[in-house]
């Protein structure tokens, strides 16, 4: 398993390889997203976080995932169209991943083993906060919205370091 998030390679939603190490020095909020979930309106709040904190060094990274209730059945182009049209998403979206199970992406293997509480992602829109050094520093369940005081406090804390 990679020692930090920075060692992991992912694919952009356009299919290009990207090393998460390219985000060194940035605070990351990594979220498994879905277009047909009760939590889907969180896209709006995630976009607001991205706009508010981008200049300070936060990057919101959305990873579409169809593992929970088959709530992300679309193709990458359908996902981009939905996110930009319905929620005005400008933060980065990536290729669909498995957040759990036998085909779990290495990113989610690292996130779920490094964050407290440890264990599999339980639903869409679970959030992981990663420090500027590529270490997982916090985990927030789906019910914790992007405008939640506890999430905002954690982001502020990491950006201040």
Protein backbone atom coordinates (compact mmCIF):
# COMPACT_ATOMS: atom_id res chain seq x y z
CA UNK A 1 0.00 0.00 0.00
CA UNK A 2 1.28 3.50 -0.79
CA UNK A 3 2.77 5.32 2.19
CA UNK A 4 0.91 8.57 1.45
CA UNK A 5 -1.90 9.73 -0.79
CA UNK A 6 0.76 11.49 -2.88
CA UNK A 7 2.04 8.12 -4.12
CA UNK A 8 -1.30 7.15 -5.69
CA UNK A 9 -2.14 7.46 -9.38
CA UNK A 10 -5.72 8.19 -10.47
CA UNK A 11 -7.47 8.92 -13.76
CA UNK A 12 -9.15 12.21 -14.47
CA UNK A 13 -12.71 12.09 -15.72
CA UNK A 14 -11.22 12.74 -19.18
CA UNK A 15 -9.15 9.54 -18.84
CA UNK A 16 -5.73 11.08 -18.22
CA UNK A 17 -3.36 9.68 -15.58
CA UNK A 18 -2.71 11.99 -12.65
CA UNK A 19 -0.42 11.49 -9.68
CA UNK A 20 -1.97 12.80 -6.47
CA UNK A 21 1.53 14.03 -5.58
CA UNK A 22 0.77 16.90 -7.96
CA UNK A 23 -1.33 18.31 -5.10
CA UNK A 24 1.59 18.44 -2.65
CA UNK A 25 1.25 21.53 -0.49
CA UNK A 26 -2.54 21.60 -0.96
CA UNK A 27 -5.24 20.44 1.45
CA UNK A 28 -7.51 17.90 -0.23
CA UNK A 29 -11.15 17.07 0.41
CA UNK A 30 -11.75 13.73 -1.32
CA UNK A 31 -15.38 12.73 -1.77
CA UNK A 32 -17.04 9.71 -3.40
CA UNK A 33 -19.93 11.25 -5.33
CA UNK A 34 -23.09 10.02 -7.07
CA UNK A 35 -25.72 11.70 -9.23
CA UNK A 36 -28.81 9.84 -7.99
CA UNK A 37 -28.36 9.88 -4.22
CA UNK A 38 -30.26 11.63 -1.47
CA UNK A 39 -26.98 13.38 -0.68
CA UNK A 40 -26.45 14.56 -4.29
CA UNK A 41 -27.42 18.16 -3.39
CA UNK A 42 -24.10 18.24 -1.47
CA UNK A 43 -22.52 18.98 -4.85
CA UNK A 44 -23.69 22.58 -4.35
CA UNK A 45 -21.95 22.87 -0.97
CA UNK A 46 -18.80 21.17 -2.24
CA UNK A 47 -18.64 23.70 -5.08
CA UNK A 48 -19.10 26.53 -2.57
CA UNK A 49 -16.23 25.14 -0.44
CA UNK A 50 -14.07 24.87 -3.53
CA UNK A 51 -14.73 28.47 -4.55
CA UNK A 52 -14.34 29.85 -1.03
CA UNK A 53 -11.11 28.05 -0.12
CA UNK A 54 -9.35 27.43 -3.45
CA UNK A 55 -7.15 30.52 -3.17
CA UNK A 56 -6.14 29.38 0.34
CA UNK A 57 -5.02 25.97 -0.98
CA UNK A 58 -8.02 23.63 -0.73
CA UNK A 59 -8.76 21.26 -3.59
CA UNK A 60 -12.05 19.36 -3.67
CA UNK A 61 -11.69 16.09 -5.59
CA UNK A 62 -14.83 14.20 -6.59
CA UNK A 63 -14.65 10.49 -7.35
CA UNK A 64 -17.86 9.14 -8.89
CA UNK A 65 -18.78 5.78 -7.44
CA UNK A 66 -21.55 3.31 -8.28
CA UNK A 67 -20.96 1.03 -5.26
CA UNK A 68 -23.88 2.25 -3.18
CA UNK A 69 -27.38 1.60 -4.47
CA UNK A 70 -26.17 1.85 -8.10
CA UNK A 71 -26.67 5.61 -7.74
CA UNK A 72 -23.98 6.60 -10.24
CA UNK A 73 -24.83 4.61 -13.38
CA UNK A 74 -23.81 7.31 -15.88
CA UNK A 75 -20.81 7.48 -18.16
CA UNK A 76 -18.07 9.99 -17.40
CA UNK A 77 -19.46 12.44 -19.95
CA UNK A 78 -22.98 12.10 -18.47
CA UNK A 79 -21.56 12.70 -14.99
CA UNK A 80 -19.72 15.86 -16.11
CA UNK A 81 -22.81 17.14 -17.90
CA UNK A 82 -25.00 16.52 -14.84
CA UNK A 83 -22.56 18.12 -12.38
CA UNK A 84 -21.87 21.21 -14.45
CA UNK A 85 -25.44 21.77 -15.63
CA UNK A 86 -27.30 21.08 -12.38
CA UNK A 87 -24.74 22.23 -9.78
CA UNK A 88 -22.21 24.39 -11.63
CA UNK A 89 -19.38 22.12 -10.50
CA UNK A 90 -15.91 23.42 -11.36
CA UNK A 91 -13.91 21.33 -8.87
CA UNK A 92 -12.07 18.35 -10.28
CA UNK A 93 -13.91 15.15 -11.05
CA UNK A 94 -12.20 11.84 -11.69
CA UNK A 95 -12.89 8.52 -13.34
CA UNK A 96 -15.41 6.27 -11.61
CA UNK A 97 -13.84 4.22 -8.81
CA UNK A 98 -14.80 1.43 -6.44
CA UNK A 99 -14.68 2.75 -2.87
CA UNK A 100 -15.14 -0.71 -1.35
CA UNK A 101 -15.05 -4.40 -2.14
CA UNK A 102 -12.63 -6.62 -4.02
CA UNK A 103 -12.04 -4.00 -6.75
CA UNK A 104 -11.48 -1.14 -4.30
CA UNK A 105 -9.28 1.57 -5.80
CA UNK A 106 -5.86 1.95 -4.08
CA UNK A 107 -6.87 5.50 -3.12
CA UNK A 108 -9.83 4.24 -1.11
CA UNK A 109 -7.79 1.38 0.36
CA UNK A 110 -5.40 4.03 1.70
CA UNK A 111 -8.11 6.46 2.83
CA UNK A 112 -10.13 3.84 4.71
CA UNK A 113 -7.10 2.34 6.44
CA UNK A 114 -5.54 5.68 7.42
CA UNK A 115 -8.58 7.61 8.68
CA UNK A 116 -10.46 7.20 11.92
CA UNK A 117 -12.77 5.45 12.12
CA UNK A 118 -11.07 2.84 9.95
CA UNK A 119 -13.16 0.62 7.71
CA UNK A 120 -15.05 0.64 4.44
CA UNK A 121 -16.87 3.64 3.07
CA UNK A 122 -20.51 3.17 4.03
CA UNK A 123 -22.28 5.41 1.48
CA UNK A 124 -21.95 8.13 -1.15
CA UNK A 125 -20.55 11.55 -0.22
CA UNK A 126 -18.22 10.34 2.51
CA UNK A 127 -15.44 12.90 2.90
CA UNK A 128 -11.74 12.50 3.66
CA UNK A 129 -9.54 15.46 4.53
CA UNK A 130 -5.89 15.16 3.52
CA UNK A 131 -3.12 17.42 4.81
CA UNK A 132 -0.64 19.38 2.71
CA UNK A 133 1.80 16.52 3.37
CA UNK A 134 -0.53 13.89 1.87
CA UNK A 135 -1.67 12.39 5.20
CA UNK A 136 -5.31 11.56 5.91
CA UNK A 137 -6.26 13.72 8.89
CA UNK A 138 -10.06 13.43 9.15
CA UNK A 139 -13.03 11.45 7.92
CA UNK A 140 -16.61 12.66 7.72
CA UNK A 141 -19.64 10.46 7.09
CA UNK A 142 -22.17 11.27 4.36
CA UNK A 143 -24.51 13.00 6.80
CA UNK A 144 -21.87 15.67 7.52
CA UNK A 145 -22.64 18.31 4.92
CA UNK A 146 -20.09 20.56 3.22
CA UNK A 147 -21.37 23.51 5.30
CA UNK A 148 -21.04 21.60 8.58
CA UNK A 149 -19.13 23.54 11.27
CA UNK A 150 -17.00 20.49 12.11
CA UNK A 151 -15.89 20.04 8.47
CA UNK A 152 -15.21 23.76 7.99
CA UNK A 153 -13.22 23.89 11.25
CA UNK A 154 -11.09 20.94 10.13
CA UNK A 155 -10.45 22.56 6.73
CA UNK A 156 -9.52 25.87 8.39
CA UNK A 157 -7.17 24.05 10.77
CA UNK A 158 -5.33 22.27 7.94
CA UNK A 159 -5.09 25.36 5.75
CA UNK A 160 -3.60 27.32 8.67
CA UNK A 161 -0.71 24.84 9.09
